[in-house]
PDB file of N, CA and C in Angstrom:
ATOM      1  N   MET A   1       0.845  -1.182   0.000  1.00  0.00           N
ATOM      2  CA  MET A   1       0.000   0.000   0.000  1.00  0.00           C
ATOM      3  C   MET A   1       0.889   1.244   0.000  1.00  0.00           C
ATOM      4  N   THR A   2       0.579   2.176  -0.845  1.00  0.00           N
ATOM      5  CA  THR A   2       1.332   3.429  -0.891  1.00  0.00           C
ATOM      6  C   THR A   2       0.667   4.459   0.007  1.00  0.00           C
ATOM      7  N   PRO A   3       1.506   5.296   0.646  1.00  0.00           N
ATOM      8  CA  PRO A   3       0.924   6.316   1.522  1.00  0.00           C
ATOM      9  C   PRO A   3       0.194   7.384   0.727  1.00  0.00           C
ATOM     10  N   ASP A   4      -0.741   8.032   1.399  1.00  0.00           N
ATOM     11  CA  ASP A   4      -1.452   9.161   0.814  1.00  0.00           C
ATOM     12  C   ASP A   4      -0.421  10.211   0.405  1.00  0.00           C
ATOM     13  N   PRO A   5      -0.398  10.651  -0.848  1.00  0.00           N
ATOM     14  CA  PRO A   5       0.626  11.589  -1.316  1.00  0.00           C
ATOM     15  C   PRO A   5       0.656  12.915  -0.556  1.00  0.00           C
ATOM     16  N   GLU A   6      -0.508  13.459  -0.241  1.00  0.00           N
ATOM     17  CA  GLU A   6      -0.541  14.740   0.493  1.00  0.00           C
ATOM     18  C   GLU A   6       0.001  14.578   1.900  1.00  0.00           C
ATOM     19  N   LEU A   7      -0.400  13.516   2.570  1.00  0.00           N
ATOM     20  CA  LEU A   7       0.076  13.256   3.928  1.00  0.00           C
ATOM     21  C   LEU A   7       1.576  12.993   3.925  1.00  0.00           C
ATOM     22  N   PHE A   8       2.031  12.195   2.946  1.00  0.00           N
ATOM     23  CA  PHE A   8       3.466  11.924   2.841  1.00  0.00           C
ATOM     24  C   PHE A   8       4.248  13.219   2.660  1.00  0.00           C
ATOM     25  N   GLU A   9       3.784  14.091   1.759  1.00  0.00           N
ATOM     26  CA  GLU A   9       4.491  15.345   1.501  1.00  0.00           C
ATOM     27  C   GLU A   9       4.542  16.214   2.755  1.00  0.00           C
ATOM     28  N   SER A  10       3.459  16.277   3.483  1.00  0.00           N
ATOM     29  CA  SER A  10       3.412  17.037   4.729  1.00  0.00           C
ATOM     30  C   SER A  10       4.423  16.495   5.740  1.00  0.00           C
ATOM     31  N   MET A  11       4.466  15.188   5.887  1.00  0.00           N
ATOM     32  CA  MET A  11       5.391  14.577   6.848  1.00  0.00           C
ATOM     33  C   MET A  11       6.837  14.675   6.380  1.00  0.00           C
ATOM     34  N   ARG A  12       7.042  14.573   5.067  1.00  0.00           N
ATOM     35  CA  ARG A  12       8.391  14.720   4.517  1.00  0.00           C
ATOM     36  C   ARG A  12       8.934  16.115   4.792  1.00  0.00           C
ATOM     37  N   LEU A  13       8.089  17.131   4.598  1.00  0.00           N
ATOM     38  CA  LEU A  13       8.517  18.502   4.867  1.00  0.00           C
ATOM     39  C   LEU A  13       8.811  18.719   6.343  1.00  0.00           C
ATOM     40  N   GLU A  14       8.008  18.127   7.200  1.00  0.00           N
ATOM     41  CA  GLU A  14       8.236  18.218   8.641  1.00  0.00           C
ATOM     42  C   GLU A  14       9.574  17.584   9.013  1.00  0.00           C
ATOM     43  N   LEU A  15       9.861  16.439   8.432  1.00  0.00           N
ATOM     44  CA  LEU A  15      11.119  15.740   8.686  1.00  0.00           C
ATOM     45  C   LEU A  15      12.313  16.560   8.212  1.00  0.00           C
ATOM     46  N   ARG A  16      12.175  17.207   7.059  1.00  0.00           N
ATOM     47  CA  ARG A  16      13.269  18.004   6.489  1.00  0.00           C
ATOM     48  C   ARG A  16      13.544  19.295   7.244  1.00  0.00           C
ATOM     49  N   ARG A  17      12.497  19.890   7.820  1.00  0.00           N
ATOM     50  CA  ARG A  17      12.603  21.246   8.371  1.00  0.00           C
ATOM     51  C   ARG A  17      13.784  21.399   9.335  1.00  0.00           C
ATOM     52  N   GLY A  18      13.875  20.558  10.326  1.00  0.00           N
ATOM     53  CA  GLY A  18      14.980  20.655  11.284  1.00  0.00           C
ATOM     54  C   GLY A  18      16.324  20.300  10.673  1.00  0.00           C
ATOM     55  N   SER A  19      16.295  19.395   9.702  1.00  0.00           N
ATOM     56  CA  SER A  19      17.534  18.985   9.042  1.00  0.00           C
ATOM     57  C   SER A  19      18.137  20.138   8.258  1.00  0.00           C
ATOM     58  N   LEU A  20      17.291  20.988   7.685  1.00  0.00           N
ATOM     59  CA  LEU A  20      17.782  22.106   6.880  1.00  0.00           C
ATOM     60  C   LEU A  20      18.557  23.106   7.734  1.00  0.00           C
ATOM     61  N   VAL A  21      18.098  23.349   8.941  1.00  0.00           N
ATOM     62  CA  VAL A  21      18.812  24.263   9.842  1.00  0.00           C
ATOM     63  C   VAL A  21      20.222  23.738  10.087  1.00  0.00           C
ATOM     64  N   LEU A  22      20.319  22.458  10.409  1.00  0.00           N
ATOM     65  CA  LEU A  22      21.629  21.851  10.666  1.00  0.00           C
ATOM     66  C   LEU A  22      22.512  21.922   9.418  1.00  0.00           C
ATOM     67  N   ALA A  23      21.936  21.632   8.263  1.00  0.00           N
ATOM     68  CA  ALA A  23      22.711  21.666   7.018  1.00  0.00           C
ATOM     69  C   ALA A  23      23.205  23.076   6.700  1.00  0.00           C
ATOM     70  N   VAL A  24      22.356  24.080   6.885  1.00  0.00           N
ATOM     71  CA  VAL A  24      22.754  25.464   6.613  1.00  0.00           C
ATOM     72  C   VAL A  24      23.875  25.887   7.565  1.00  0.00           C
ATOM     73  N   LEU A  25      23.721  25.582   8.834  1.00  0.00           N
ATOM     74  CA  LEU A  25      24.781  25.927   9.787  1.00  0.00           C
ATOM     75  C   LEU A  25      26.092  25.237   9.410  1.00  0.00           C
ATOM     76  N   ALA A  26      26.021  23.970   9.062  1.00  0.00           N
ATOM     77  CA  ALA A  26      27.238  23.227   8.721  1.00  0.00           C
ATOM     78  C   ALA A  26      27.900  23.800   7.468  1.00  0.00           C
ATOM     79  N   ARG A  27      27.114  24.137   6.463  1.00  0.00           N
ATOM     80  CA  ARG A  27      27.673  24.692   5.233  1.00  0.00           C
ATOM     81  C   ARG A  27      28.245  26.097   5.438  1.00  0.00           C
ATOM     82  N   LEU A  28      27.770  26.807   6.463  1.00  0.00           N
ATOM     83  CA  LEU A  28      28.260  28.168   6.700  1.00  0.00           C
ATOM     84  C   LEU A  28      29.470  28.205   7.633  1.00  0.00           C
ATOM     85  N   ARG A  29      30.096  27.052   7.831  1.00  0.00           N
ATOM     86  CA  ARG A  29      31.425  27.077   8.465  1.00  0.00           C
ATOM     87  C   ARG A  29      32.381  27.811   7.531  1.00  0.00           C
ATOM     88  N   GLU A  30      32.072  27.756   6.221  1.00  0.00           N
ATOM     89  CA  GLU A  30      32.784  28.546   5.219  1.00  0.00           C
ATOM     90  C   GLU A  30      31.858  29.662   4.766  1.00  0.00           C
ATOM     91  N   GLU A  31      32.414  30.844   4.625  1.00  0.00           N
ATOM     92  CA  GLU A  31      31.608  31.993   4.196  1.00  0.00           C
ATOM     93  C   GLU A  31      31.035  31.754   2.797  1.00  0.00           C
ATOM     94  N   ARG A  32      29.760  32.080   2.639  1.00  0.00           N
ATOM     95  CA  ARG A  32      29.086  31.923   1.348  1.00  0.00           C
ATOM     96  C   ARG A  32      28.017  32.995   1.220  1.00  0.00           C
ATOM     97  N   TYR A  33      27.623  33.271  -0.013  1.00  0.00           N
ATOM     98  CA  TYR A  33      26.423  34.076  -0.220  1.00  0.00           C
ATOM     99  C   TYR A  33      25.307  33.125  -0.613  1.00  0.00           C
ATOM    100  N   GLY A  34      24.082  33.620  -0.597  1.00  0.00           N
ATOM    101  CA  GLY A  34      22.908  32.767  -0.732  1.00  0.00           C
ATOM    102  C   GLY A  34      22.928  31.813  -1.901  1.00  0.00           C
ATOM    103  N   TYR A  35      23.278  32.307  -3.082  1.00  0.00           N
ATOM    104  CA  TYR A  35      23.239  31.454  -4.272  1.00  0.00           C
ATOM    105  C   TYR A  35      24.216  30.292  -4.157  1.00  0.00           C
ATOM    106  N   THR A  36      25.447  30.567  -3.718  1.00  0.00           N
ATOM    107  CA  THR A  36      26.433  29.484  -3.605  1.00  0.00           C
ATOM    108  C   THR A  36      26.068  28.528  -2.471  1.00  0.00           C
ATOM    109  N   LEU A  37      25.399  29.036  -1.449  1.00  0.00           N
ATOM    110  CA  LEU A  37      24.915  28.162  -0.377  1.00  0.00           C
ATOM    111  C   LEU A  37      23.859  27.212  -0.927  1.00  0.00           C
ATOM    112  N   ARG A  38      22.910  27.744  -1.692  1.00  0.00           N
ATOM    113  CA  ARG A  38      21.882  26.897  -2.318  1.00  0.00           C
ATOM    114  C   ARG A  38      22.512  25.843  -3.217  1.00  0.00           C
ATOM    115  N   GLN A  39      23.514  26.236  -3.993  1.00  0.00           N
ATOM    116  CA  GLN A  39      24.194  25.285  -4.877  1.00  0.00           C
ATOM    117  C   GLN A  39      24.878  24.184  -4.073  1.00  0.00           C
ATOM    118  N   ALA A  40      25.568  24.564  -3.001  1.00  0.00           N
ATOM    119  CA  ALA A  40      26.279  23.579  -2.179  1.00  0.00           C
ATOM    120  C   ALA A  40      25.296  22.596  -1.551  1.00  0.00           C
ATOM    121  N   LEU A  41      24.191  23.108  -1.025  1.00  0.00           N
ATOM    122  CA  LEU A  41      23.184  22.238  -0.418  1.00  0.00           C
ATOM    123  C   LEU A  41      22.559  21.319  -1.464  1.00  0.00           C
ATOM    124  N   ALA A  42      22.270  21.861  -2.641  1.00  0.00           N
ATOM    125  CA  ALA A  42      21.698  21.037  -3.718  1.00  0.00           C
ATOM    126  C   ALA A  42      22.688  19.947  -4.121  1.00  0.00           C
ATOM    127  N   GLY A  43      23.957  20.288  -4.165  1.00  0.00           N
ATOM    128  CA  GLY A  43      24.994  19.309  -4.485  1.00  0.00           C
ATOM    129  C   GLY A  43      25.063  18.179  -3.464  1.00  0.00           C
ATOM    130  N   ASP A  44      24.635  18.486  -2.248  1.00  0.00           N
ATOM    131  CA  ASP A  44      24.597  17.482  -1.187  1.00  0.00           C
ATOM    132  C   ASP A  44      23.265  16.740  -1.145  1.00  0.00           C
ATOM    133  N   GLY A  45      22.367  17.082  -2.077  1.00  0.00           N
ATOM    134  CA  GLY A  45      21.067  16.415  -2.122  1.00  0.00           C
ATOM    135  C   GLY A  45      19.976  17.111  -1.344  1.00  0.00           C
ATOM    136  N   LEU A  46      20.230  18.335  -0.884  1.00  0.00           N
ATOM    137  CA  LEU A  46      19.234  19.096  -0.123  1.00  0.00           C
ATOM    138  C   LEU A  46      18.831  20.350  -0.891  1.00  0.00           C
ATOM    139  N   GLU A  47      17.984  20.167  -1.880  1.00  0.00           N
ATOM    140  CA  GLU A  47      17.503  21.309  -2.652  1.00  0.00           C
ATOM    141  C   GLU A  47      16.606  22.162  -1.767  1.00  0.00           C
ATOM    142  N   MET A  48      16.705  23.468  -1.953  1.00  0.00           N
ATOM    143  CA  MET A  48      15.920  24.394  -1.144  1.00  0.00           C
ATOM    144  C   MET A  48      15.533  25.584  -1.994  1.00  0.00           C
ATOM    145  N   GLU A  49      14.281  25.974  -1.907  1.00  0.00           N
ATOM    146  CA  GLU A  49      13.803  27.150  -2.630  1.00  0.00           C
ATOM    147  C   GLU A  49      14.355  28.414  -1.971  1.00  0.00           C
ATOM    148  N   GLU A  50      14.521  29.456  -2.769  1.00  0.00           N
ATOM    149  CA  GLU A  50      14.952  30.751  -2.222  1.00  0.00           C
ATOM    150  C   GLU A  50      13.976  31.233  -1.160  1.00  0.00           C
ATOM    151  N   SER A  51      12.695  30.972  -1.378  1.00  0.00           N
ATOM    152  CA  SER A  51      11.669  31.423  -0.432  1.00  0.00           C
ATOM    153  C   SER A  51      11.771  30.711   0.915  1.00  0.00           C
ATOM    154  N   THR A  52      12.519  29.632   0.978  1.00  0.00           N
ATOM    155  CA  THR A  52      12.797  28.941   2.237  1.00  0.00           C
ATOM    156  C   THR A  52      14.135  29.392   2.804  1.00  0.00           C
ATOM    157  N   LEU A  53      15.133  29.485   1.929  1.00  0.00           N
ATOM    158  CA  LEU A  53      16.496  29.776   2.384  1.00  0.00           C
ATOM    159  C   LEU A  53      16.655  31.168   2.981  1.00  0.00           C
ATOM    160  N   TYR A  54      16.209  32.200   2.268  1.00  0.00           N
ATOM    161  CA  TYR A  54      16.498  33.559   2.736  1.00  0.00           C
ATOM    162  C   TYR A  54      15.796  33.915   4.050  1.00  0.00           C
ATOM    163  N   PRO A  55      14.541  33.526   4.253  1.00  0.00           N
ATOM    164  CA  PRO A  55      13.959  33.758   5.580  1.00  0.00           C
ATOM    165  C   PRO A  55      14.697  32.974   6.678  1.00  0.00           C
ATOM    166  N   LEU A  56      15.160  31.777   6.352  1.00  0.00           N
ATOM    167  CA  LEU A  56      15.921  30.993   7.326  1.00  0.00           C
ATOM    168  C   LEU A  56      17.228  31.696   7.677  1.00  0.00           C
ATOM    169  N   LEU A  57      17.926  32.216   6.679  1.00  0.00           N
ATOM    170  CA  LEU A  57      19.174  32.943   6.937  1.00  0.00           C
ATOM    171  C   LEU A  57      18.915  34.172   7.808  1.00  0.00           C
ATOM    172  N   ARG A  58      17.857  34.915   7.511  1.00  0.00           N
ATOM    173  CA  ARG A  58      17.541  36.106   8.326  1.00  0.00           C
ATOM    174  C   ARG A  58      17.223  35.711   9.769  1.00  0.00           C
ATOM    175  N   ARG A  59      16.472  34.612   9.928  1.00  0.00           N
ATOM    176  CA  ARG A  59      16.118  34.160  11.281  1.00  0.00           C
ATOM    177  C   ARG A  59      17.367  33.722  12.050  1.00  0.00           C
ATOM    178  N   LEU A  60      18.231  32.951  11.418  1.00  0.00           N
ATOM    179  CA  LEU A  60      19.447  32.488  12.090  1.00  0.00           C
ATOM    180  C   LEU A  60      20.350  33.666  12.457  1.00  0.00           C
ATOM    181  N   GLU A  61      20.380  34.683  11.589  1.00  0.00           N
ATOM    182  CA  GLU A  61      21.177  35.872  11.911  1.00  0.00           C
ATOM    183  C   GLU A  61      20.553  36.635  13.075  1.00  0.00           C
ATOM    184  N   SER A  62      19.235  36.765  13.085  1.00  0.00           N
ATOM    185  CA  SER A  62      18.575  37.484  14.189  1.00  0.00           C
ATOM    186  C   SER A  62      18.737  36.743  15.516  1.00  0.00           C
ATOM    187  N   GLN A  63      18.933  35.435  15.445  1.00  0.00           N
ATOM    188  CA  GLN A  63      19.162  34.633  16.659  1.00  0.00           C
ATOM    189  C   GLN A  63      20.627  34.671  17.102  1.00  0.00           C
ATOM    190  N   GLY A  64      21.467  35.363  16.340  1.00  0.00           N
ATOM    191  CA  GLY A  64      22.875  35.497  16.704  1.00  0.00           C
ATOM    192  C   GLY A  64      23.752  34.348  16.243  1.00  0.00           C
ATOM    193  N   LEU A  65      23.228  33.469  15.401  1.00  0.00           N
ATOM    194  CA  LEU A  65      23.991  32.297  14.972  1.00  0.00           C
ATOM    195  C   LEU A  65      24.813  32.547  13.707  1.00  0.00           C
ATOM    196  N   LEU A  66      24.455  33.593  12.960  1.00  0.00           N
ATOM    197  CA  LEU A  66      25.175  33.968  11.739  1.00  0.00           C
ATOM    198  C   LEU A  66      25.535  35.437  11.795  1.00  0.00           C
ATOM    199  N   VAL A  67      26.581  35.781  11.079  1.00  0.00           N
ATOM    200  CA  VAL A  67      26.903  37.181  10.815  1.00  0.00           C
ATOM    201  C   VAL A  67      26.954  37.333   9.300  1.00  0.00           C
ATOM    202  N   SER A  68      26.668  38.524   8.832  1.00  0.00           N
ATOM    203  CA  SER A  68      26.687  38.741   7.390  1.00  0.00           C
ATOM    204  C   SER A  68      27.259  40.117   7.094  1.00  0.00           C
ATOM    205  N   GLU A  69      27.695  40.264   5.854  1.00  0.00           N
ATOM    206  CA  GLU A  69      28.142  41.569   5.381  1.00  0.00           C
ATOM    207  C   GLU A  69      27.916  41.660   3.889  1.00  0.00           C
ATOM    208  N   TRP A  70      27.604  42.888   3.457  1.00  0.00           N
ATOM    209  CA  TRP A  70      27.416  43.152   2.037  1.00  0.00           C
ATOM    210  C   TRP A  70      28.767  43.460   1.432  1.00  0.00           C
ATOM    211  N   ARG A  71      29.029  42.889   0.266  1.00  0.00           N
ATOM    212  CA  ARG A  71      30.253  43.163  -0.471  1.00  0.00           C
ATOM    213  C   ARG A  71      29.953  43.202  -1.951  1.00  0.00           C
ATOM    214  N   GLU A  72      30.755  43.958  -2.666  1.00  0.00           N
ATOM    215  CA  GLU A  72      30.604  43.989  -4.110  1.00  0.00           C
ATOM    216  C   GLU A  72      31.526  42.933  -4.711  1.00  0.00           C
ATOM    217  N   GLU A  73      30.942  42.101  -5.558  1.00  0.00           N
ATOM    218  CA  GLU A  73      31.706  41.061  -6.248  1.00  0.00           C
ATOM    219  C   GLU A  73      31.133  40.949  -7.652  1.00  0.00           C
ATOM    220  N   GLU A  74      32.014  40.948  -8.636  1.00  0.00           N
ATOM    221  CA  GLU A  74      31.577  40.905 -10.031  1.00  0.00           C
ATOM    222  C   GLU A  74      30.575  42.025 -10.330  1.00  0.00           C
ATOM    223  N   LYS A  75      30.869  43.205  -9.804  1.00  0.00           N
ATOM    224  CA  LYS A  75      30.057  44.411 -10.007  1.00  0.00           C
ATOM    225  C   LYS A  75      28.629  44.290  -9.473  1.00  0.00           C
ATOM    226  N   ARG A  76      28.424  43.369  -8.538  1.00  0.00           N
ATOM    227  CA  ARG A  76      27.112  43.213  -7.899  1.00  0.00           C
ATOM    228  C   ARG A  76      27.319  43.136  -6.399  1.00  0.00           C
ATOM    229  N   LYS A  77      26.373  43.721  -5.655  1.00  0.00           N
ATOM    230  CA  LYS A  77      26.429  43.605  -4.200  1.00  0.00           C
ATOM    231  C   LYS A  77      25.857  42.257  -3.801  1.00  0.00           C
ATOM    232  N   LYS A  78      26.591  41.559  -2.940  1.00  0.00           N
ATOM    233  CA  LYS A  78      26.159  40.249  -2.463  1.00  0.00           C
ATOM    234  C   LYS A  78      26.314  40.219  -0.949  1.00  0.00           C
ATOM    235  N   ARG A  79      25.374  39.540  -0.301  1.00  0.00           N
ATOM    236  CA  ARG A  79      25.433  39.410   1.150  1.00  0.00           C
ATOM    237  C   ARG A  79      26.079  38.069   1.483  1.00  0.00           C
ATOM    238  N   PHE A  80      27.204  38.133   2.175  1.00  0.00           N
ATOM    239  CA  PHE A  80      27.947  36.946   2.557  1.00  0.00           C
ATOM    240  C   PHE A  80      27.624  36.586   4.009  1.00  0.00           C
ATOM    241  N   TYR A  81      27.405  35.303   4.252  1.00  0.00           N
ATOM    242  CA  TYR A  81      27.050  34.797   5.573  1.00  0.00           C
ATOM    243  C   TYR A  81      28.125  33.841   6.070  1.00  0.00           C
ATOM    244  N   ARG A  82      28.295  33.809   7.396  1.00  0.00           N
ATOM    245  CA  ARG A  82      29.167  32.820   8.024  1.00  0.00           C
ATOM    246  C   ARG A  82      28.691  32.625   9.460  1.00  0.00           C
ATOM    247  N   LEU A  83      29.134  31.546  10.056  1.00  0.00           N
ATOM    248  CA  LEU A  83      28.767  31.283  11.445  1.00  0.00           C
ATOM    249  C   LEU A  83      29.380  32.309  12.376  1.00  0.00           C
ATOM    250  N   SER A  84      28.642  32.707  13.374  1.00  0.00           N
ATOM    251  CA  SER A  84      29.179  33.517  14.465  1.00  0.00           C
ATOM    252  C   SER A  84      29.789  32.538  15.472  1.00  0.00           C
ATOM    253  N   PRO A  85      30.520  33.026  16.463  1.00  0.00           N
ATOM    254  CA  PRO A  85      31.011  32.111  17.503  1.00  0.00           C
ATOM    255  C   PRO A  85      29.862  31.346  18.178  1.00  0.00           C
ATOM    256  N   MET A  86      28.736  32.011  18.416  1.00  0.00           N
ATOM    257  CA  MET A  86      27.591  31.328  19.001  1.00  0.00           C
ATOM    258  C   MET A  86      27.041  30.291  18.023  1.00  0.00           C
ATOM    259  N   GLY A  87      27.086  30.587  16.721  1.00  0.00           N
ATOM    260  CA  GLY A  87      26.647  29.646  15.707  1.00  0.00           C
ATOM    261  C   GLY A  87      27.529  28.405  15.668  1.00  0.00           C
ATOM    262  N   GLU A  88      28.835  28.596  15.854  1.00  0.00           N
ATOM    263  CA  GLU A  88      29.756  27.453  15.895  1.00  0.00           C
ATOM    264  C   GLU A  88      29.432  26.542  17.078  1.00  0.00           C
ATOM    265  N   ALA A  89      29.163  27.146  18.220  1.00  0.00           N
ATOM    266  CA  ALA A  89      28.815  26.356  19.410  1.00  0.00           C
ATOM    267  C   ALA A  89      27.483  25.639  19.203  1.00  0.00           C
ATOM    268  N   MET A  90      26.521  26.333  18.592  1.00  0.00           N
ATOM    269  CA  MET A  90      25.216  25.720  18.335  1.00  0.00           C
ATOM    270  C   MET A  90      25.346  24.575  17.341  1.00  0.00           C
ATOM    271  N   LEU A  91      26.127  24.759  16.297  1.00  0.00           N
ATOM    272  CA  LEU A  91      26.338  23.693  15.313  1.00  0.00           C
ATOM    273  C   LEU A  91      26.922  22.460  15.993  1.00  0.00           C
ATOM    274  N   SER A  92      27.900  22.644  16.837  1.00  0.00           N
ATOM    275  CA  SER A  92      28.513  21.515  17.539  1.00  0.00           C
ATOM    276  C   SER A  92      27.486  20.787  18.401  1.00  0.00           C
ATOM    277  N   ALA A  93      26.696  21.545  19.155  1.00  0.00           N
ATOM    278  CA  ALA A  93      25.690  20.936  20.033  1.00  0.00           C
ATOM    279  C   ALA A  93      24.602  20.226  19.227  1.00  0.00           C
ATOM    280  N   LEU A  94      24.132  20.856  18.150  1.00  0.00           N
ATOM    281  CA  LEU A  94      23.090  20.238  17.323  1.00  0.00           C
ATOM    282  C   LEU A  94      23.611  19.010  16.586  1.00  0.00           C
ATOM    283  N   ALA A  95      24.864  19.051  16.152  1.00  0.00           N
ATOM    284  CA  ALA A  95      25.453  17.893  15.466  1.00  0.00           C
ATOM    285  C   ALA A  95      25.534  16.705  16.424  1.00  0.00           C
ATOM    286  N   ASP A  96      25.921  16.960  17.668  1.00  0.00           N
ATOM    287  CA  ASP A  96      25.946  15.881  18.668  1.00  0.00           C
ATOM    288  C   ASP A  96      24.547  15.319  18.881  1.00  0.00           C
ATOM    289  N   GLU A  97      23.567  16.204  18.993  1.00  0.00           N
ATOM    290  CA  GLU A  97      22.178  15.778  19.173  1.00  0.00           C
ATOM    291  C   GLU A  97      21.708  14.962  17.964  1.00  0.00           C
ATOM    292  N   TRP A  98      22.024  15.448  16.767  1.00  0.00           N
ATOM    293  CA  TRP A  98      21.647  14.746  15.533  1.00  0.00           C
ATOM    294  C   TRP A  98      22.242  13.337  15.500  1.00  0.00           C
ATOM    295  N   ARG A  99      23.514  13.234  15.847  1.00  0.00           N
ATOM    296  CA  ARG A  99      24.171  11.916  15.833  1.00  0.00           C
ATOM    297  C   ARG A  99      23.486  10.952  16.794  1.00  0.00           C
ATOM    298  N   GLY A 100      23.086  11.441  17.968  1.00  0.00           N
ATOM    299  CA  GLY A 100      22.375  10.603  18.928  1.00  0.00           C
ATOM    300  C   GLY A 100      21.022  10.159  18.404  1.00  0.00           C
ATOM    301  N   ILE A 101      20.277  11.087  17.846  1.00  0.00           N
ATOM    302  CA  ILE A 101      18.959  10.762  17.280  1.00  0.00           C
ATOM    303  C   ILE A 101      19.120   9.778  16.124  1.00  0.00           C
ATOM    304  N   ASN A 102      20.083  10.048  15.265  1.00  0.00           N
ATOM    305  CA  ASN A 102      20.321   9.191  14.098  1.00  0.00           C
ATOM    306  C   ASN A 102      20.691   7.769  14.521  1.00  0.00           C
ATOM    307  N   ALA A 103      21.540   7.655  15.542  1.00  0.00           N
ATOM    308  CA  ALA A 103      21.925   6.318  16.031  1.00  0.00           C
ATOM    309  C   ALA A 103      20.707   5.583  16.574  1.00  0.00           C
ATOM    310  N   SER A 104      19.859   6.287  17.312  1.00  0.00           N
ATOM    311  CA  SER A 104      18.644   5.675  17.855  1.00  0.00           C
ATOM    312  C   SER A 104      17.711   5.235  16.732  1.00  0.00           C
ATOM    313  N   LEU A 105      17.520   6.105  15.750  1.00  0.00           N
ATOM    314  CA  LEU A 105      16.633   5.755  14.636  1.00  0.00           C
ATOM    315  C   LEU A 105      17.183   4.585  13.822  1.00  0.00           C
ATOM    316  N   ASP A 106      18.506   4.539  13.656  1.00  0.00           N
ATOM    317  CA  ASP A 106      19.107   3.412  12.943  1.00  0.00           C
ATOM    318  C   ASP A 106      18.778   2.101  13.654  1.00  0.00           C
ATOM    319  N   LYS A 107      18.818   2.094  14.975  1.00  0.00           N
ATOM    320  CA  LYS A 107      18.463   0.893  15.745  1.00  0.00           C
ATOM    321  C   LYS A 107      17.004   0.527  15.543  1.00  0.00           C
ATOM    322  N   ILE A 108      16.149   1.528  15.609  1.00  0.00           N
ATOM    323  CA  ILE A 108      14.712   1.303  15.509  1.00  0.00           C
ATOM    324  C   ILE A 108      14.317   0.835  14.104  1.00  0.00           C
ATOM    325  N   LEU A 109      14.871   1.486  13.102  1.00  0.00           N
ATOM    326  CA  LEU A 109      14.501   1.167  11.716  1.00  0.00           C
ATOM    327  C   LEU A 109      15.158  -0.110  11.248  1.00  0.00           C
TER     328      LEU A 109
END
């Protein structure tokens, strides 16, 4: 029996939501601007719409986990993001939590 497509999509998005935060924090150990961040995540198999990424970046910055600065590159202004010291600590703590959850789920599944 196949799951209801709408219900599956809803649950899939719920499952992804927390994972995206961890992935964005991990990818921002290196400074990037939004487009290259999206490309890097897509290359890792985590495609994300701009309408999801940019609000997430603003929220993480407002929470003190990211710092950003505008710079001109290739005659265009681009906003570059990177982890703040608090973001580095949060990434470490969340990665440990993720590993624990993942190990538990591996046992269960």
